[in-house]
C-alpha cells in the first residue's frame, strides 16, 4: 500500500489505521474526510526528535497551519509540544480558541493589515515574520503605542529555485514573498530594522517552496543563509540567533514518488549548517522548520459515493462523485497527483480507465485523470488518498455545495472533528 496506515480487510474494503472506510462512509455519509490521529502525532514527534537531535537544543518544528487549520489540529500540536506558523488572523483566532499558547506562534503574511497586527500583538503572538518595510513600520508603531518590544524575524528570499510547480515555489528572487538578498534590499532592511526601538530582530526566515523531494535545495538554502548571517555580522555587528528554513519536504501521493526519510533529510541539512557555521566562525543559531504537508497529508483520505459512470466510446470514461473541487481544488489548480481507489472493492481487477469528475458545473472540476479502477457501480465508495494537506483548508462552497465532515480515528474509534455544513450554514451570513 501507498502508506503503512492503509490496508485491506477481509471484506475487501480499504482500511485506514485498521478501520473499515466503507463502514465509516455508511455511518457518517460522504463526502467524508478521515484522519489518522496517531499518524499525525507520529509525524510531529519525528520532526521534533530529529530536529533536537541534529540541530541541537532550542531547534524545533512549527506546524504550518495553512495545510490544515482547525481547533482539533491545534490541540494535537499543543499536546505534542510543537509550535505553529500562522498566515492570517483567522488562523490565529482558531489557535487561540483551541487554547494554544501563541507565544509559540510565528505570524506570516505578505500583506498584514493594521487590524491583523493589532490583533496579533493583543493576543501575544511570539514572533512576526516580517515581509516588507511598510509592515515593519506599522508593527513598530503599534508596539510602541502599547509600550512593548515585539520580537520579529525578517523573511528573506534566497534566490533558489527548487524546480517544483510555479504555484508552490516561493524562494526565487522575484517572489511576492520576502526581501531579496541578491538585490541588496535585505542589507538595507537589516540596517533599517536594527534602528527600530519597538521591534527586536531575532533572526531570519526563508522558504524555497513545497513538495520538494531532493534535499539539495534545502542544503543550498541553509548554506546561503548561514553565509548571509556571517555577512550581516561583519557589516552590522549583529548575529542572528534564529534561522527559520521554512517547510517544503515532499509527500508521497502516488507509487512512483519516493517516501522520504524526514529524519535523514534533517540530518543532511544539519551537516551543512554545522560545516558552514564552523567555516564562518558563527554560533549555530536555533533552527526552525515549518512542516505542514508532511505532518498531515498522509494521515488522511477522502471518501466519496459514486453517482454516474459515463462511457464515451473511442474517447474517455467518466466516474462522477458527490464531491469534487469544492473539497479538493488541487487538481483543478495545478494538476496535483493523487492515488484513487475503489474502497468498497479493493481486490477487484482495475481494468476500467477513467477520469474521476466532481459534481460542479465546471468542466475543470476533476480529481484525477487516467485512473485505473474496477468498473464502478452507483453507490460504490471511492477513496482519494493523502488528502490531509491543502484540501479542507482550500475548500469552498462553489455551486453552494456544503463542505464535508471531518472525522478522526484514535485507537480504532472514530469521532467528529468538523461537522458537515448544512444548507442553513450556506445562508447564515446572507442578508
Protein backbone atom coordinates (compact mmCIF):
# COMPACT_ATOMS: atom_id res chain seq x y z
CA UNK A 1 0.00 0.00 0.00
CA UNK A 2 0.99 3.63 -0.51
CA UNK A 3 1.48 4.22 3.24
CA UNK A 4 1.72 1.89 6.22
CA UNK A 5 -1.54 3.12 7.81
CA UNK A 6 -3.55 1.82 4.83
CA UNK A 7 -4.75 -1.75 4.38
CA UNK A 8 -7.40 -4.11 3.03
CA UNK A 9 -9.64 -6.15 5.33
CA UNK A 10 -11.44 -9.47 4.91
CA UNK A 11 -14.43 -7.69 3.33
CA UNK A 12 -12.21 -6.42 0.50
CA UNK A 13 -12.63 -2.91 1.92
CA UNK A 14 -9.96 -0.23 2.28
CA UNK A 15 -8.89 0.47 5.86
CA UNK A 16 -7.22 3.47 7.46
CA UNK A 17 -5.49 2.86 10.81
CA UNK A 18 -7.21 -0.53 10.80
CA UNK A 19 -10.73 0.94 10.50
CA UNK A 20 -13.08 -0.02 7.65
CA UNK A 21 -13.56 3.08 5.49
CA UNK A 22 -16.74 1.79 3.85
CA UNK A 23 -18.32 1.39 7.28
CA UNK A 24 -17.27 4.96 8.10
CA UNK A 25 -18.92 6.21 4.90
CA UNK A 26 -22.12 4.38 5.81
CA UNK A 27 -22.10 5.87 9.33
CA UNK A 28 -21.10 9.46 8.59
CA UNK A 29 -22.08 9.93 4.94
CA UNK A 30 -19.98 11.28 2.11
CA UNK A 31 -18.01 13.26 1.12
CA UNK A 32 -16.05 12.46 4.27
CA UNK A 33 -12.51 13.28 5.31
CA UNK A 34 -10.98 10.72 7.69
CA UNK A 35 -7.82 11.49 9.68
CA UNK A 36 -5.49 9.06 11.44
CA UNK A 37 -4.53 10.87 14.65
CA UNK A 38 -1.66 8.54 15.51
CA UNK A 39 -0.10 9.26 12.11
CA UNK A 40 -0.25 12.99 12.80
CA UNK A 41 1.33 12.52 16.22
CA UNK A 42 3.99 10.20 14.79
CA UNK A 43 4.96 12.77 12.17
CA UNK A 44 5.10 15.60 14.73
CA UNK A 45 7.31 13.53 17.03
CA UNK A 46 9.57 12.54 14.16
CA UNK A 47 10.31 16.18 13.32
CA UNK A 48 10.61 17.25 16.95
CA UNK A 49 13.01 14.48 17.91
CA UNK A 50 15.13 14.70 14.74
CA UNK A 51 15.47 18.47 14.95
CA UNK A 52 16.51 18.35 18.58
CA UNK A 53 18.98 15.56 17.86
CA UNK A 54 20.64 17.01 14.75
CA UNK A 55 20.18 20.78 15.13
CA UNK A 56 20.54 20.97 18.90
CA UNK A 57 18.50 22.25 21.83
CA UNK A 58 16.18 25.15 21.07
CA UNK A 59 15.62 23.99 17.50
CA UNK A 60 12.06 22.87 16.82
CA UNK A 61 9.34 22.39 14.22
CA UNK A 62 6.43 24.77 13.73
CA UNK A 63 3.33 23.20 12.22
CA UNK A 64 2.35 25.12 9.07
CA UNK A 65 -1.28 25.95 9.77
CA UNK A 66 -2.18 26.66 6.17
CA UNK A 67 -2.01 22.93 5.44
CA UNK A 68 -4.94 22.19 7.75
CA UNK A 69 -6.30 24.64 10.29
CA UNK A 70 -8.97 23.75 12.84
CA UNK A 71 -9.25 23.61 16.63
CA UNK A 72 -8.63 19.87 16.68
CA UNK A 73 -5.26 20.09 14.96
CA UNK A 74 -4.05 22.88 17.26
CA UNK A 75 -4.96 20.78 20.29
CA UNK A 76 -2.95 17.84 18.93
CA UNK A 77 0.03 20.07 18.08
CA UNK A 78 -0.11 21.66 21.55
CA UNK A 79 -0.16 18.25 23.23
CA UNK A 80 2.90 17.19 21.23
CA UNK A 81 4.84 20.30 22.30
CA UNK A 82 5.27 21.75 18.82
CA UNK A 83 4.95 25.40 17.75
CA UNK A 84 2.86 26.75 14.87
CA UNK A 85 3.19 29.14 12.00
CA UNK A 86 0.17 31.21 11.04
CA UNK A 87 -0.67 33.25 7.96
CA UNK A 88 -3.83 35.09 8.96
CA UNK A 89 -5.85 36.45 11.85
CA UNK A 90 -8.37 33.68 11.19
CA UNK A 91 -5.77 31.01 11.84
CA UNK A 92 -4.61 32.93 14.91
CA UNK A 93 -8.18 33.18 16.23
CA UNK A 94 -8.69 29.44 15.72
CA UNK A 95 -5.49 28.64 17.61
CA UNK A 96 -6.49 30.92 20.49
CA UNK A 97 -9.95 29.32 20.61
CA UNK A 98 -8.27 25.91 20.83
CA UNK A 99 -6.26 27.02 23.86
CA UNK A 100 -2.91 27.15 22.05
CA UNK A 101 -0.26 29.35 23.69
CA UNK A 102 0.51 31.71 20.82
CA UNK A 103 3.81 32.74 22.36
CA UNK A 104 4.85 29.63 20.43
CA UNK A 105 3.44 31.02 17.18
CA UNK A 106 5.06 32.83 14.25
CA UNK A 107 2.78 35.06 12.17
CA UNK A 108 3.47 35.23 8.42
CA UNK A 109 1.76 37.08 5.58
CA UNK A 110 2.85 39.37 2.78
CA UNK A 111 0.08 41.88 3.50
CA UNK A 112 -0.68 42.07 7.21
CA UNK A 113 -3.30 44.73 7.77
CA UNK A 114 -3.23 47.13 10.71
CA UNK A 115 -6.04 45.09 12.25
CA UNK A 116 -4.01 41.90 11.80
CA UNK A 117 -1.03 43.48 13.54
CA UNK A 118 -3.06 44.88 16.42
CA UNK A 119 -4.89 41.62 16.97
CA UNK A 120 -1.70 39.55 16.94
CA UNK A 121 0.01 41.89 19.41
CA UNK A 122 -3.06 41.84 21.67
CA UNK A 123 -3.03 38.02 21.58
CA UNK A 124 0.67 37.96 22.49
CA UNK A 125 1.90 36.23 19.34
CA UNK A 126 5.52 35.17 19.80
CA UNK A 127 7.07 36.46 16.57
CA UNK A 128 6.06 38.29 13.44
CA UNK A 129 7.78 37.11 10.27
CA UNK A 130 8.13 40.48 8.57
CA UNK A 131 7.68 40.54 4.80
CA UNK A 132 8.42 44.19 3.96
CA UNK A 133 9.43 47.52 5.47
CA UNK A 134 5.97 49.08 5.31
CA UNK A 135 4.76 46.29 7.56
CA UNK A 136 7.80 46.71 9.80
CA UNK A 137 6.97 50.37 10.36
CA UNK A 138 3.40 49.56 11.40
CA UNK A 139 4.49 46.80 13.80
CA UNK A 140 6.96 49.21 15.37
CA UNK A 141 4.32 51.95 15.71
CA UNK A 142 1.59 49.69 17.09
CA UNK A 143 4.00 48.02 19.51
CA UNK A 144 5.19 51.46 20.66
CA UNK A 145 1.61 52.52 21.35
CA UNK A 146 1.25 49.51 23.65
CA UNK A 147 4.61 50.13 25.31
CA UNK A 148 6.24 46.87 24.28
CA UNK A 149 9.01 45.49 22.08
CA UNK A 150 7.80 42.93 19.54
CA UNK A 151 10.16 40.08 18.51
CA UNK A 152 10.40 39.55 14.74
CA UNK A 153 12.18 37.63 12.00
CA UNK A 154 12.82 39.14 8.59
CA UNK A 155 11.64 36.99 5.69
CA UNK A 156 14.34 36.88 3.03
CA UNK A 157 14.27 35.41 -0.48
CA UNK A 158 17.46 33.45 -1.10
CA UNK A 159 17.06 33.24 -4.88
CA UNK A 160 16.81 29.43 -5.03
CA UNK A 161 14.52 27.63 -7.47
CA UNK A 162 13.71 24.07 -6.29
CA UNK A 163 12.09 23.25 -9.68
CA UNK A 164 8.65 22.40 -8.35
CA UNK A 165 5.37 23.73 -9.74
CA UNK A 166 5.49 27.51 -10.15
CA UNK A 167 2.45 27.92 -7.88
CA UNK A 168 4.32 26.40 -4.92
CA UNK A 169 7.79 27.91 -5.48
CA UNK A 170 8.42 30.81 -3.08
CA UNK A 171 12.17 31.39 -2.77
CA UNK A 172 13.05 32.93 -6.14
CA UNK A 173 14.34 36.47 -6.23
CA UNK A 174 11.16 37.77 -7.89
CA UNK A 175 8.77 36.05 -5.46
CA UNK A 176 5.90 38.04 -3.97
CA UNK A 177 7.19 36.94 -0.57
CA UNK A 178 10.02 38.45 1.42
CA UNK A 179 13.01 40.70 0.82
CA UNK A 180 15.62 39.74 -1.75
CA UNK A 181 19.20 39.11 -0.70
CA UNK A 182 20.55 39.26 -4.25
CA UNK A 183 19.43 42.86 -4.88
CA UNK A 184 20.94 44.29 -1.68
CA UNK A 185 17.48 45.05 -0.29
CA UNK A 186 17.97 42.59 2.57
CA UNK A 187 21.03 44.50 3.80
CA UNK A 188 19.07 47.75 3.73
CA UNK A 189 16.22 46.08 5.62
CA UNK A 190 18.55 44.78 8.33
CA UNK A 191 20.11 48.21 8.81
CA UNK A 192 16.66 49.81 8.98
CA UNK A 193 15.30 47.20 11.41
CA UNK A 194 18.21 47.49 13.83
CA UNK A 195 17.40 51.18 14.31
CA UNK A 196 13.82 50.48 15.40
CA UNK A 197 13.04 50.86 19.10
CA UNK A 198 9.93 48.72 19.42
CA UNK A 199 10.87 45.66 17.41
CA UNK A 200 13.60 43.16 18.22
CA UNK A 201 15.26 41.35 15.34
CA UNK A 202 15.79 37.73 16.42
CA UNK A 203 16.85 36.32 13.06
CA UNK A 204 15.85 35.42 9.54
CA UNK A 205 13.35 33.27 7.69
CA UNK A 206 13.40 31.76 4.22
CA UNK A 207 11.13 29.33 2.39
CA UNK A 208 12.00 27.94 -1.03
CA UNK A 209 8.83 26.06 -1.95
CA UNK A 210 6.76 22.96 -1.40
CA UNK A 211 6.59 19.27 -2.38
CA UNK A 212 10.38 19.01 -2.75
CA UNK A 213 11.92 15.51 -2.73
CA UNK A 214 15.58 16.49 -3.20
CA UNK A 215 17.48 17.61 -0.10
CA UNK A 216 19.98 19.65 -2.13
CA UNK A 217 17.83 22.82 -2.48
CA UNK A 218 17.38 22.87 1.32
CA UNK A 219 21.12 22.45 1.85
CA UNK A 220 21.81 25.20 -0.69
CA UNK A 221 19.36 27.48 1.12
CA UNK A 222 20.90 26.69 4.50
CA UNK A 223 24.41 27.38 3.20
CA UNK A 224 23.32 30.66 1.63
CA UNK A 225 21.51 31.80 4.77
CA UNK A 226 24.48 30.99 7.03
CA UNK A 227 26.71 32.92 4.64
CA UNK A 228 24.28 35.81 4.84
CA UNK A 229 24.22 35.70 8.65
CA UNK A 230 28.03 35.94 8.55
CA UNK A 231 27.94 38.93 6.20
CA UNK A 232 25.40 40.71 8.42
CA UNK A 233 27.58 40.09 11.46
CA UNK A 234 30.56 41.60 9.67
CA UNK A 235 28.64 44.58 8.31
CA UNK A 236 26.43 45.43 11.30
CA UNK A 237 27.84 43.58 14.30
CA UNK A 238 24.55 41.70 14.60
CA UNK A 239 24.45 37.89 14.77
CA UNK A 240 21.10 36.18 14.24
CA UNK A 241 20.04 33.75 16.96
CA UNK A 242 17.22 32.13 14.94
CA UNK A 243 17.26 30.74 11.41
CA UNK A 244 13.89 29.54 10.12
CA UNK A 245 14.28 27.38 6.99
CA UNK A 246 10.55 27.13 6.27
CA UNK A 247 8.89 23.95 5.06
CA UNK A 248 8.56 22.04 1.83
CA UNK A 249 9.69 18.38 2.09
CA UNK A 250 7.65 16.25 -0.30
CA UNK A 251 4.95 13.69 0.46
CA UNK A 252 4.22 10.50 -1.46
CA UNK A 253 0.90 10.90 -3.27
CA UNK A 254 1.44 8.17 -5.89
CA UNK A 255 3.50 4.97 -6.13
CA UNK A 256 6.14 6.49 -8.42
CA UNK A 257 7.09 9.13 -5.84
CA UNK A 258 9.65 8.30 -3.13
CA UNK A 259 8.77 8.05 0.54
CA UNK A 260 11.13 10.44 2.28
CA UNK A 261 13.02 9.68 5.45
CA UNK A 262 12.49 13.06 7.11
CA UNK A 263 14.98 12.36 9.90
CA UNK A 264 17.70 11.62 7.33
CA UNK A 265 16.61 14.75 5.44
CA UNK A 266 17.09 16.84 8.58
CA UNK A 267 20.43 15.19 9.35
CA UNK A 268 21.83 16.15 5.93
CA UNK A 269 20.71 19.76 6.31
CA UNK A 270 22.23 19.86 9.79
CA UNK A 271 25.59 18.69 8.50
CA UNK A 272 25.63 21.60 6.03
CA UNK A 273 24.76 24.04 8.77
CA UNK A 274 27.46 22.67 11.07
CA UNK A 275 30.05 22.96 8.31
CA UNK A 276 29.05 26.48 7.33
CA UNK A 277 28.80 27.88 10.86
CA UNK A 278 32.26 26.47 11.60
CA UNK A 279 33.64 27.96 8.38
CA UNK A 280 32.37 31.42 9.28
CA UNK A 281 33.12 31.08 12.99
CA UNK A 282 29.47 31.59 13.92
CA UNK A 283 27.49 30.35 16.87
CA UNK A 284 24.93 27.92 15.46
CA UNK A 285 21.51 29.60 15.56
CA UNK A 286 18.33 27.92 16.72
CA UNK A 287 16.95 26.20 13.64
CA UNK A 288 13.22 26.25 12.95
CA UNK A 289 11.35 24.42 10.21
CA UNK A 290 7.71 24.70 9.17
CA UNK A 291 6.41 21.28 8.08
CA UNK A 292 2.73 21.22 7.16
CA UNK A 293 2.04 18.84 4.29
CA UNK A 294 4.49 16.26 5.68
CA UNK A 295 2.67 16.30 9.05
CA UNK A 296 -0.94 15.87 7.95
CA UNK A 297 -1.14 14.82 4.29
CA UNK A 298 -0.65 11.07 4.68
CA UNK A 299 -2.84 10.96 7.80
CA UNK A 300 -5.98 11.49 5.76
CA UNK A 301 -8.13 10.22 2.93
CA UNK A 302 -11.41 11.44 1.45
CA UNK A 303 -14.35 9.15 0.79
CA UNK A 304 -16.95 9.77 -1.91
CA UNK A 305 -20.02 7.95 -3.21
CA UNK A 306 -20.05 7.12 -6.92
CA UNK A 307 -23.00 8.56 -8.80
CA UNK A 308 -22.83 8.12 -12.57
CA UNK A 309 -20.49 6.19 -14.87
CA UNK A 310 -20.31 7.65 -18.37
CA UNK A 311 -18.57 5.92 -21.28
CA UNK A 312 -17.74 7.83 -24.47
CA UNK A 313 -16.57 5.09 -26.89
CA UNK A 314 -13.26 5.91 -28.54
CA UNK A 315 -12.67 8.86 -26.23
CA UNK A 316 -12.81 8.52 -22.44
CA UNK A 317 -14.79 7.33 -19.47
CA UNK A 318 -16.03 9.40 -16.53
CA UNK A 319 -16.81 8.36 -12.97
CA UNK A 320 -18.77 11.08 -11.16
CA UNK A 321 -18.64 11.51 -7.39
CA UNK A 322 -20.59 13.51 -4.81
CA UNK A 323 -17.69 15.88 -4.11
CA UNK A 324 -15.00 17.47 -6.22
CA UNK A 325 -13.22 20.79 -6.48
CA UNK A 326 -15.13 22.41 -3.57
CA UNK A 327 -13.47 19.96 -1.16
CA UNK A 328 -10.30 19.34 -3.22
CA UNK A 329 -9.36 22.06 -5.72
CA UNK A 330 -5.72 20.99 -6.09
CA UNK A 331 -6.05 19.11 -9.38
CA UNK A 332 -8.02 21.96 -10.93
CA UNK A 333 -5.41 24.46 -9.70
CA UNK A 334 -2.15 22.69 -10.57
CA UNK A 335 -2.84 19.12 -11.70
CA UNK A 336 -1.80 17.53 -8.42
CA UNK A 337 -1.20 13.79 -8.42
CA UNK A 338 -3.44 11.54 -6.32
CA UNK A 339 -3.94 7.83 -5.82
CA UNK A 340 -7.60 6.87 -6.28
CA UNK A 341 -9.11 3.50 -5.41
CA UNK A 342 -12.49 1.85 -5.08
CA UNK A 343 -12.65 1.47 -1.30
CA UNK A 344 -15.57 -0.97 -1.42
CA UNK A 345 -13.95 -3.38 -3.92
CA UNK A 346 -10.19 -3.23 -3.34
CA UNK A 347 -9.29 -6.68 -4.73
CA UNK A 348 -11.29 -6.39 -7.96
CA UNK A 349 -9.31 -6.01 -11.18
CA UNK A 350 -8.69 -2.31 -12.07
CA UNK A 351 -9.42 -2.64 -15.80
CA UNK A 352 -11.60 0.45 -16.31
CA UNK A 353 -9.55 3.55 -17.25
CA UNK A 354 -11.43 6.69 -16.30
CA UNK A 355 -11.44 10.32 -15.27
CA UNK A 356 -12.81 10.95 -11.77
CA UNK A 357 -15.04 14.01 -12.07
CA UNK A 358 -16.67 16.17 -9.44
CA UNK A 359 -20.27 17.31 -9.34
CA UNK A 360 -19.77 21.02 -10.04
CA UNK A 361 -20.98 22.84 -13.13
CA UNK A 362 -17.39 23.35 -14.25
CA UNK A 363 -15.54 21.31 -16.89
CA UNK A 364 -12.32 21.62 -14.89
CA UNK A 365 -13.88 20.00 -11.82
CA UNK A 366 -11.76 16.87 -11.91
CA UNK A 367 -9.98 14.93 -9.18
CA UNK A 368 -7.71 12.82 -11.41
CA UNK A 369 -7.46 11.60 -14.98
CA UNK A 370 -6.39 8.22 -16.44
CA UNK A 371 -7.28 6.33 -13.27
CA UNK A 372 -7.47 2.51 -13.46
CA UNK A 373 -10.39 1.24 -11.35
CA UNK A 374 -12.70 -1.75 -11.29
CA UNK A 375 -15.74 -0.56 -13.24
CA UNK A 376 -17.68 1.26 -10.51
CA UNK A 377 -21.37 0.98 -9.79
CA UNK A 378 -23.63 3.70 -8.47
CA UNK A 379 -23.31 3.67 -4.69
CA UNK A 380 -19.75 2.32 -4.55
CA UNK A 381 -17.38 4.13 -2.18
CA UNK A 382 -14.39 5.75 -3.85
CA UNK A 383 -11.34 6.90 -1.88
CA UNK A 384 -8.79 9.57 -2.71
CA UNK A 385 -5.66 9.05 -0.63
CA UNK A 386 -3.32 11.54 1.05
CA UNK A 387 -5.76 14.44 1.32
CA UNK A 388 -4.83 15.89 4.72
CA UNK A 389 -2.98 18.93 3.40
CA UNK A 390 -4.45 21.84 1.42
CA UNK A 391 -7.77 20.10 0.88
CA UNK A 392 -10.13 21.21 3.63
CA UNK A 393 -8.08 24.37 4.14
CA UNK A 394 -8.66 25.34 0.48
CA UNK A 395 -12.26 24.12 0.36
CA UNK A 396 -15.04 26.39 -0.86
CA UNK A 397 -18.80 26.49 -1.29
CA UNK A 398 -18.68 26.76 -5.08
CA UNK A 399 -22.12 25.96 -6.53
CA UNK A 400 -23.39 26.34 -2.93
CA UNK A 401 -22.12 22.88 -2.05
CA UNK A 402 -21.62 22.38 1.71
CA UNK A 403 -18.12 21.48 2.90
CA UNK A 404 -17.68 17.88 4.07
CA UNK A 405 -17.47 16.48 7.55
CA UNK A 406 -14.05 15.61 9.01
CA UNK A 407 -13.65 12.77 11.46
CA UNK A 408 -10.55 11.45 13.23
CA UNK A 409 -9.54 7.96 14.30
CA UNK A 410 -7.94 7.23 17.67
CA UNK A 411 -7.32 3.71 18.97
CA UNK A 412 -9.77 2.30 16.45
CA UNK A 413 -12.57 4.70 17.41
CA UNK A 414 -13.97 7.46 15.20
CA UNK A 415 -15.02 10.89 16.46
CA UNK A 416 -16.06 14.14 14.75
CA UNK A 417 -13.56 16.94 14.22
CA UNK A 418 -15.51 19.28 11.92
CA UNK A 419 -19.23 18.84 11.38
CA UNK A 420 -20.68 18.68 7.88
CA UNK A 421 -22.01 22.03 6.72
CA UNK A 422 -25.74 22.29 6.34
CA UNK A 423 -27.77 24.27 3.81
CA UNK A 424 -28.55 26.67 6.67
CA UNK A 425 -24.81 27.26 7.09
CA UNK A 426 -24.64 28.32 3.44
CA UNK A 427 -27.08 31.19 4.00
CA UNK A 428 -26.04 32.11 7.56
CA UNK A 429 -24.34 35.35 6.52
CA UNK A 430 -26.79 36.26 3.72
CA UNK A 431 -28.89 39.40 4.29
